[in-house]
Amino acid sequence: MRRLPRGKALIINVNEVEGKPPRRGTDIDRDNLYHLLTQLHFDVRVYNDRDGLTAKVGQTAQNCTRTVDHTSFLIMP
């Protein structure tokens, strides 16, 4: 992991899940992960459920993985 950027990271922030109360603190977690991964020299993409992803999380992840070199892709659960 000596090259820069070290790879790509995808953060999917899901704040609202249908039929459940909103999850508190996801924005803080998203921001902290973003700052940590950028400090570690990863190319970070962030998607939020407000971007219309709640029903499309799987499809979005698949689309992102099609456009990157999988040898350097990091997904944080």
PDB file of N, CA and C in Angstrom:
ATOM      1  N   MET A   1       0.826  -1.183   0.000  1.00  0.00           N
ATOM      2  CA  MET A   1       0.000   0.000   0.000  1.00  0.00           C
ATOM      3  C   MET A   1       0.874   1.251   0.000  1.00  0.00           C
ATOM      4  N   ARG A   2       1.778   1.306  -0.927  1.00  0.00           N
ATOM      5  CA  ARG A   2       2.674   2.452  -0.994  1.00  0.00           C
ATOM      6  C   ARG A   2       2.254   3.481  -2.029  1.00  0.00           C
ATOM      7  N   ARG A   3       1.352   3.129  -2.924  1.00  0.00           N
ATOM      8  CA  ARG A   3       0.963   4.083  -3.956  1.00  0.00           C
ATOM      9  C   ARG A   3      -0.124   5.021  -3.432  1.00  0.00           C
ATOM     10  N   LEU A   4      -0.239   6.173  -4.071  1.00  0.00           N
ATOM     11  CA  LEU A   4      -1.239   7.152  -3.690  1.00  0.00           C
ATOM     12  C   LEU A   4      -2.112   7.468  -4.895  1.00  0.00           C
ATOM     13  N   PRO A   5      -3.406   7.477  -4.832  1.00  0.00           N
ATOM     14  CA  PRO A   5      -4.156   7.055  -3.654  1.00  0.00           C
ATOM     15  C   PRO A   5      -4.018   5.549  -3.431  1.00  0.00           C
ATOM     16  N   ARG A   6      -4.248   5.141  -2.217  1.00  0.00           N
ATOM     17  CA  ARG A   6      -4.070   3.727  -1.846  1.00  0.00           C
ATOM     18  C   ARG A   6      -5.168   2.832  -2.396  1.00  0.00           C
ATOM     19  N   GLY A   7      -6.262   3.414  -2.745  1.00  0.00           N
ATOM     20  CA  GLY A   7      -7.389   2.648  -3.275  1.00  0.00           C
ATOM     21  C   GLY A   7      -8.645   3.469  -3.177  1.00  0.00           C
ATOM     22  N   LYS A   8      -9.774   2.809  -3.380  1.00  0.00           N
ATOM     23  CA  LYS A   8     -11.065   3.486  -3.318  1.00  0.00           C
ATOM     24  C   LYS A   8     -11.857   2.950  -2.139  1.00  0.00           C
ATOM     25  N   ALA A   9     -12.614   3.836  -1.522  1.00  0.00           N
ATOM     26  CA  ALA A   9     -13.495   3.455  -0.418  1.00  0.00           C
ATOM     27  C   ALA A   9     -14.889   3.991  -0.711  1.00  0.00           C
ATOM     28  N   LEU A  10     -15.878   3.197  -0.422  1.00  0.00           N
ATOM     29  CA  LEU A  10     -17.276   3.570  -0.630  1.00  0.00           C
ATOM     30  C   LEU A  10     -17.966   3.604   0.725  1.00  0.00           C
ATOM     31  N   ILE A  11     -18.538   4.747   1.069  1.00  0.00           N
ATOM     32  CA  ILE A  11     -19.304   4.888   2.310  1.00  0.00           C
ATOM     33  C   ILE A  11     -20.757   5.102   1.919  1.00  0.00           C
ATOM     34  N   ILE A  12     -21.628   4.229   2.405  1.00  0.00           N
ATOM     35  CA  ILE A  12     -23.067   4.381   2.163  1.00  0.00           C
ATOM     36  C   ILE A  12     -23.712   4.685   3.507  1.00  0.00           C
ATOM     37  N   ASN A  13     -24.228   5.882   3.639  1.00  0.00           N
ATOM     38  CA  ASN A  13     -24.833   6.343   4.881  1.00  0.00           C
ATOM     39  C   ASN A  13     -26.341   6.145   4.809  1.00  0.00           C
ATOM     40  N   VAL A  14     -26.855   5.186   5.559  1.00  0.00           N
ATOM     41  CA  VAL A  14     -28.292   4.912   5.588  1.00  0.00           C
ATOM     42  C   VAL A  14     -28.835   5.413   6.916  1.00  0.00           C
ATOM     43  N   ASN A  15     -29.551   6.521   6.852  1.00  0.00           N
ATOM     44  CA  ASN A  15     -30.105   7.137   8.045  1.00  0.00           C
ATOM     45  C   ASN A  15     -31.513   6.645   8.320  1.00  0.00           C
ATOM     46  N   GLU A  16     -32.290   6.422   7.271  1.00  0.00           N
ATOM     47  CA  GLU A  16     -33.681   6.019   7.449  1.00  0.00           C
ATOM     48  C   GLU A  16     -33.920   4.658   6.804  1.00  0.00           C
ATOM     49  N   VAL A  17     -34.521   3.769   7.584  1.00  0.00           N
ATOM     50  CA  VAL A  17     -34.902   2.449   7.100  1.00  0.00           C
ATOM     51  C   VAL A  17     -36.412   2.377   7.190  1.00  0.00           C
ATOM     52  N   GLU A  18     -37.043   1.944   6.130  1.00  0.00           N
ATOM     53  CA  GLU A  18     -38.503   1.920   6.082  1.00  0.00           C
ATOM     54  C   GLU A  18     -39.067   1.091   7.233  1.00  0.00           C
ATOM     55  N   GLY A  19     -40.019   1.671   7.938  1.00  0.00           N
ATOM     56  CA  GLY A  19     -40.686   0.982   9.034  1.00  0.00           C
ATOM     57  C   GLY A  19     -39.948   1.073  10.360  1.00  0.00           C
ATOM     58  N   LYS A  20     -38.843   1.823  10.417  1.00  0.00           N
ATOM     59  CA  LYS A  20     -38.082   1.965  11.662  1.00  0.00           C
ATOM     60  C   LYS A  20     -37.805   3.443  11.905  1.00  0.00           C
ATOM     61  N   PRO A  21     -37.543   3.803  13.165  1.00  0.00           N
ATOM     62  CA  PRO A  21     -37.229   5.213  13.443  1.00  0.00           C
ATOM     63  C   PRO A  21     -35.881   5.592  12.825  1.00  0.00           C
ATOM     64  N   PRO A  22     -35.674   6.886  12.544  1.00  0.00           N
ATOM     65  CA  PRO A  22     -34.391   7.314  11.978  1.00  0.00           C
ATOM     66  C   PRO A  22     -33.224   6.942  12.888  1.00  0.00           C
ATOM     67  N   ARG A  23     -32.132   6.559  12.269  1.00  0.00           N
ATOM     68  CA  ARG A  23     -30.930   6.188  13.015  1.00  0.00           C
ATOM     69  C   ARG A  23     -30.143   7.456  13.329  1.00  0.00           C
ATOM     70  N   ARG A  24     -29.902   7.708  14.593  1.00  0.00           N
ATOM     71  CA  ARG A  24     -29.210   8.918  15.012  1.00  0.00           C
ATOM     72  C   ARG A  24     -27.699   8.698  14.959  1.00  0.00           C
ATOM     73  N   GLY A  25     -26.978   9.711  14.535  1.00  0.00           N
ATOM     74  CA  GLY A  25     -25.523   9.662  14.562  1.00  0.00           C
ATOM     75  C   GLY A  25     -24.863   9.155  13.295  1.00  0.00           C
ATOM     76  N   THR A  26     -25.641   8.770  12.295  1.00  0.00           N
ATOM     77  CA  THR A  26     -25.023   8.234  11.078  1.00  0.00           C
ATOM     78  C   THR A  26     -24.232   9.294  10.327  1.00  0.00           C
ATOM     79  N   ASP A  27     -24.680  10.553  10.404  1.00  0.00           N
ATOM     80  CA  ASP A  27     -23.945  11.620   9.725  1.00  0.00           C
ATOM     81  C   ASP A  27     -22.572  11.837  10.367  1.00  0.00           C
ATOM     82  N   ILE A  28     -22.516  11.735  11.677  1.00  0.00           N
ATOM     83  CA  ILE A  28     -21.239  11.883  12.393  1.00  0.00           C
ATOM     84  C   ILE A  28     -20.306  10.727  12.036  1.00  0.00           C
ATOM     85  N   ASP A  29     -20.845   9.505  12.034  1.00  0.00           N
ATOM     86  CA  ASP A  29     -20.030   8.339  11.660  1.00  0.00           C
ATOM     87  C   ASP A  29     -19.511   8.474  10.230  1.00  0.00           C
ATOM     88  N   ARG A  30     -20.395   8.900   9.327  1.00  0.00           N
ATOM     89  CA  ARG A  30     -20.004   9.095   7.922  1.00  0.00           C
ATOM     90  C   ARG A  30     -18.864  10.099   7.804  1.00  0.00           C
ATOM     91  N   ASP A  31     -18.994  11.226   8.481  1.00  0.00           N
ATOM     92  CA  ASP A  31     -17.965  12.263   8.408  1.00  0.00           C
ATOM     93  C   ASP A  31     -16.640  11.785   8.999  1.00  0.00           C
ATOM     94  N   ASN A  32     -16.709  11.085  10.142  1.00  0.00           N
ATOM     95  CA  ASN A  32     -15.490  10.577  10.765  1.00  0.00           C
ATOM     96  C   ASN A  32     -14.790   9.552   9.874  1.00  0.00           C
ATOM     97  N   LEU A  33     -15.555   8.651   9.275  1.00  0.00           N
ATOM     98  CA  LEU A  33     -14.970   7.672   8.352  1.00  0.00           C
ATOM     99  C   LEU A  33     -14.363   8.354   7.135  1.00  0.00           C
ATOM    100  N   TYR A  34     -15.057   9.342   6.603  1.00  0.00           N
ATOM    101  CA  TYR A  34     -14.550  10.065   5.442  1.00  0.00           C
ATOM    102  C   TYR A  34     -13.200  10.710   5.754  1.00  0.00           C
ATOM    103  N   HIS A  35     -13.130  11.417   6.882  1.00  0.00           N
ATOM    104  CA  HIS A  35     -11.888  12.096   7.242  1.00  0.00           C
ATOM    105  C   HIS A  35     -10.765  11.098   7.510  1.00  0.00           C
ATOM    106  N   LEU A  36     -11.063  10.011   8.180  1.00  0.00           N
ATOM    107  CA  LEU A  36     -10.040   8.996   8.449  1.00  0.00           C
ATOM    108  C   LEU A  36      -9.503   8.398   7.151  1.00  0.00           C
ATOM    109  N   LEU A  37     -10.400   8.002   6.269  1.00  0.00           N
ATOM    110  CA  LEU A  37      -9.966   7.356   5.024  1.00  0.00           C
ATOM    111  C   LEU A  37      -9.244   8.319   4.093  1.00  0.00           C
ATOM    112  N   THR A  38      -9.642   9.585   4.070  1.00  0.00           N
ATOM    113  CA  THR A  38      -8.903  10.543   3.237  1.00  0.00           C
ATOM    114  C   THR A  38      -7.525  10.817   3.828  1.00  0.00           C
ATOM    115  N   GLN A  39      -7.401  10.824   5.149  1.00  0.00           N
ATOM    116  CA  GLN A  39      -6.089  10.989   5.775  1.00  0.00           C
ATOM    117  C   GLN A  39      -5.184   9.794   5.491  1.00  0.00           C
ATOM    118  N   LEU A  40      -5.795   8.625   5.269  1.00  0.00           N
ATOM    119  CA  LEU A  40      -5.035   7.426   4.911  1.00  0.00           C
ATOM    120  C   LEU A  40      -4.823   7.336   3.400  1.00  0.00           C
ATOM    121  N   HIS A  41      -5.179   8.395   2.688  1.00  0.00           N
ATOM    122  CA  HIS A  41      -4.955   8.538   1.240  1.00  0.00           C
ATOM    123  C   HIS A  41      -5.787   7.590   0.380  1.00  0.00           C
ATOM    124  N   PHE A  42      -7.040   7.366   0.790  1.00  0.00           N
ATOM    125  CA  PHE A  42      -7.982   6.634  -0.044  1.00  0.00           C
ATOM    126  C   PHE A  42      -8.817   7.629  -0.832  1.00  0.00           C
ATOM    127  N   ASP A  43      -9.250   7.248  -2.013  1.00  0.00           N
ATOM    128  CA  ASP A  43     -10.187   8.021  -2.815  1.00  0.00           C
ATOM    129  C   ASP A  43     -11.577   7.603  -2.330  1.00  0.00           C
ATOM    130  N   VAL A  44     -12.279   8.498  -1.639  1.00  0.00           N
ATOM    131  CA  VAL A  44     -13.518   8.150  -0.940  1.00  0.00           C
ATOM    132  C   VAL A  44     -14.729   8.696  -1.682  1.00  0.00           C
ATOM    133  N   ARG A  45     -15.727   7.835  -1.868  1.00  0.00           N
ATOM    134  CA  ARG A  45     -17.037   8.245  -2.396  1.00  0.00           C
ATOM    135  C   ARG A  45     -18.061   8.058  -1.288  1.00  0.00           C
ATOM    136  N   VAL A  46     -18.932   9.041  -1.127  1.00  0.00           N
ATOM    137  CA  VAL A  46     -19.953   8.996  -0.085  1.00  0.00           C
ATOM    138  C   VAL A  46     -21.324   9.097  -0.737  1.00  0.00           C
ATOM    139  N   TYR A  47     -22.212   8.206  -0.354  1.00  0.00           N
ATOM    140  CA  TYR A  47     -23.610   8.257  -0.781  1.00  0.00           C
ATOM    141  C   TYR A  47     -24.478   8.270   0.469  1.00  0.00           C
ATOM    142  N   ASN A  48     -25.541   9.054   0.422  1.00  0.00           N
ATOM    143  CA  ASN A  48     -26.473   9.161   1.539  1.00  0.00           C
ATOM    144  C   ASN A  48     -27.836   8.651   1.115  1.00  0.00           C
ATOM    145  N   ASP A  49     -28.635   8.165   2.079  1.00  0.00           N
ATOM    146  CA  ASP A  49     -29.969   7.687   1.724  1.00  0.00           C
ATOM    147  C   ASP A  49     -30.828   8.829   1.188  1.00  0.00           C
ATOM    148  N   ARG A  50     -30.481  10.061   1.514  1.00  0.00           N
ATOM    149  CA  ARG A  50     -31.208  11.200   0.936  1.00  0.00           C
ATOM    150  C   ARG A  50     -30.960  11.308  -0.564  1.00  0.00           C
ATOM    151  N   ASP A  51     -29.921  10.621  -1.038  1.00  0.00           N
ATOM    152  CA  ASP A  51     -29.641  10.597  -2.472  1.00  0.00           C
ATOM    153  C   ASP A  51     -30.510   9.562  -3.181  1.00  0.00           C
ATOM    154  N   GLY A  52     -31.489   8.998  -2.466  1.00  0.00           N
ATOM    155  CA  GLY A  52     -32.393   8.020  -3.057  1.00  0.00           C
ATOM    156  C   GLY A  52     -31.825   6.615  -3.061  1.00  0.00           C
ATOM    157  N   LEU A  53     -30.979   6.307  -2.095  1.00  0.00           N
ATOM    158  CA  LEU A  53     -30.305   5.013  -2.100  1.00  0.00           C
ATOM    159  C   LEU A  53     -30.951   3.961  -1.220  1.00  0.00           C
ATOM    160  N   THR A  54     -31.869   4.317  -0.361  1.00  0.00           N
ATOM    161  CA  THR A  54     -32.394   3.350   0.601  1.00  0.00           C
ATOM    162  C   THR A  54     -32.834   2.055  -0.077  1.00  0.00           C
ATOM    163  N   ALA A  55     -33.518   2.159  -1.193  1.00  0.00           N
ATOM    164  CA  ALA A  55     -33.990   0.963  -1.885  1.00  0.00           C
ATOM    165  C   ALA A  55     -32.980   0.442  -2.898  1.00  0.00           C
ATOM    166  N   LYS A  56     -31.900   1.184  -3.134  1.00  0.00           N
ATOM    167  CA  LYS A  56     -30.969   0.832  -4.196  1.00  0.00           C
ATOM    168  C   LYS A  56     -29.547   0.585  -3.704  1.00  0.00           C
ATOM    169  N   VAL A  57     -29.352   0.316  -2.426  1.00  0.00           N
ATOM    170  CA  VAL A  57     -27.999   0.177  -1.888  1.00  0.00           C
ATOM    171  C   VAL A  57     -27.218  -0.913  -2.611  1.00  0.00           C
ATOM    172  N   GLY A  58     -27.816  -2.069  -2.796  1.00  0.00           N
ATOM    173  CA  GLY A  58     -27.125  -3.167  -3.482  1.00  0.00           C
ATOM    174  C   GLY A  58     -26.754  -2.815  -4.906  1.00  0.00           C
ATOM    175  N   GLN A  59     -27.674  -2.201  -5.623  1.00  0.00           N
ATOM    176  CA  GLN A  59     -27.416  -1.812  -7.011  1.00  0.00           C
ATOM    177  C   GLN A  59     -26.307  -0.766  -7.078  1.00  0.00           C
ATOM    178  N   THR A  60     -26.304   0.179  -6.162  1.00  0.00           N
ATOM    179  CA  THR A  60     -25.280   1.222  -6.150  1.00  0.00           C
ATOM    180  C   THR A  60     -23.911   0.629  -5.884  1.00  0.00           C
ATOM    181  N   ALA A  61     -23.821  -0.282  -4.928  1.00  0.00           N
ATOM    182  CA  ALA A  61     -22.544  -0.926  -4.636  1.00  0.00           C
ATOM    183  C   ALA A  61     -22.043  -1.712  -5.847  1.00  0.00           C
ATOM    184  N   GLN A  62     -22.946  -2.413  -6.522  1.00  0.00           N
ATOM    185  CA  GLN A  62     -22.541  -3.159  -7.709  1.00  0.00           C
ATOM    186  C   GLN A  62     -22.058  -2.226  -8.808  1.00  0.00           C
ATOM    187  N   ASN A  63     -22.741  -1.119  -9.018  1.00  0.00           N
ATOM    188  CA  ASN A  63     -22.322  -0.165 -10.042  1.00  0.00           C
ATOM    189  C   ASN A  63     -20.952   0.409  -9.725  1.00  0.00           C
ATOM    190  N   CYS A  64     -20.682   0.700  -8.463  1.00  0.00           N
ATOM    191  CA  CYS A  64     -19.386   1.255  -8.076  1.00  0.00           C
ATOM    192  C   CYS A  64     -18.274   0.226  -8.269  1.00  0.00           C
ATOM    193  N   THR A  65     -18.540  -1.025  -7.961  1.00  0.00           N
ATOM    194  CA  THR A  65     -17.497  -2.030  -8.092  1.00  0.00           C
ATOM    195  C   THR A  65     -17.187  -2.337  -9.548  1.00  0.00           C
ATOM    196  N   ARG A  66     -18.099  -2.062 -10.446  1.00  0.00           N
ATOM    197  CA  ARG A  66     -17.828  -2.285 -11.872  1.00  0.00           C
ATOM    198  C   ARG A  66     -16.851  -1.258 -12.431  1.00  0.00           C
ATOM    199  N   THR A  67     -16.742  -0.109 -11.772  1.00  0.00           N
ATOM    200  CA  THR A  67     -15.933   0.978 -12.316  1.00  0.00           C
ATOM    201  C   THR A  67     -14.566   1.110 -11.657  1.00  0.00           C
ATOM    202  N   VAL A  68     -14.202   0.170 -10.780  1.00  0.00           N
ATOM    203  CA  VAL A  68     -12.931   0.315 -10.070  1.00  0.00           C
ATOM    204  C   VAL A  68     -12.076  -0.933 -10.228  1.00  0.00           C
ATOM    205  N   ASP A  69     -10.800  -0.761  -9.932  1.00  0.00           N
ATOM    206  CA  ASP A  69      -9.860  -1.868  -9.874  1.00  0.00           C
ATOM    207  C   ASP A  69     -10.057  -2.568  -8.532  1.00  0.00           C
ATOM    208  N   HIS A  70     -10.547  -3.792  -8.531  1.00  0.00           N
ATOM    209  CA  HIS A  70     -10.907  -4.512  -7.312  1.00  0.00           C
ATOM    210  C   HIS A  70      -9.709  -4.838  -6.426  1.00  0.00           C
ATOM    211  N   THR A  71      -8.514  -4.735  -6.934  1.00  0.00           N
ATOM    212  CA  THR A  71      -7.353  -5.063  -6.104  1.00  0.00           C
ATOM    213  C   THR A  71      -7.124  -4.047  -5.013  1.00  0.00           C
ATOM    214  N   SER A  72      -7.729  -2.866  -5.120  1.00  0.00           N
ATOM    215  CA  SER A  72      -7.493  -1.835  -4.122  1.00  0.00           C
ATOM    216  C   SER A  72      -8.792  -1.232  -3.591  1.00  0.00           C
ATOM    217  N   PHE A  73      -9.863  -1.999  -3.577  1.00  0.00           N
ATOM    218  CA  PHE A  73     -11.168  -1.494  -3.171  1.00  0.00           C
ATOM    219  C   PHE A  73     -11.429  -1.877  -1.725  1.00  0.00           C
ATOM    220  N   LEU A  74     -11.859  -0.932  -0.901  1.00  0.00           N
ATOM    221  CA  LEU A  74     -12.114  -1.150   0.520  1.00  0.00           C
ATOM    222  C   LEU A  74     -13.558  -0.801   0.813  1.00  0.00           C
ATOM    223  N   ILE A  75     -14.287  -1.729   1.414  1.00  0.00           N
ATOM    224  CA  ILE A  75     -15.666  -1.457   1.839  1.00  0.00           C
ATOM    225  C   ILE A  75     -15.719  -1.559   3.348  1.00  0.00           C
ATOM    226  N   MET A  76     -16.180  -0.513   3.987  1.00  0.00           N
ATOM    227  CA  MET A  76     -16.309  -0.487   5.445  1.00  0.00           C
ATOM    228  C   MET A  76     -17.756  -0.808   5.794  1.00  0.00           C
ATOM    229  N   PRO A  77     -18.011  -1.830   6.600  1.00  0.00           N
ATOM    230  CA  PRO A  77     -19.401  -2.153   6.973  1.00  0.00           C
ATOM    231  C   PRO A  77     -19.989  -1.145   7.934  1.00  0.00           C
TER     232      PRO A  77
END
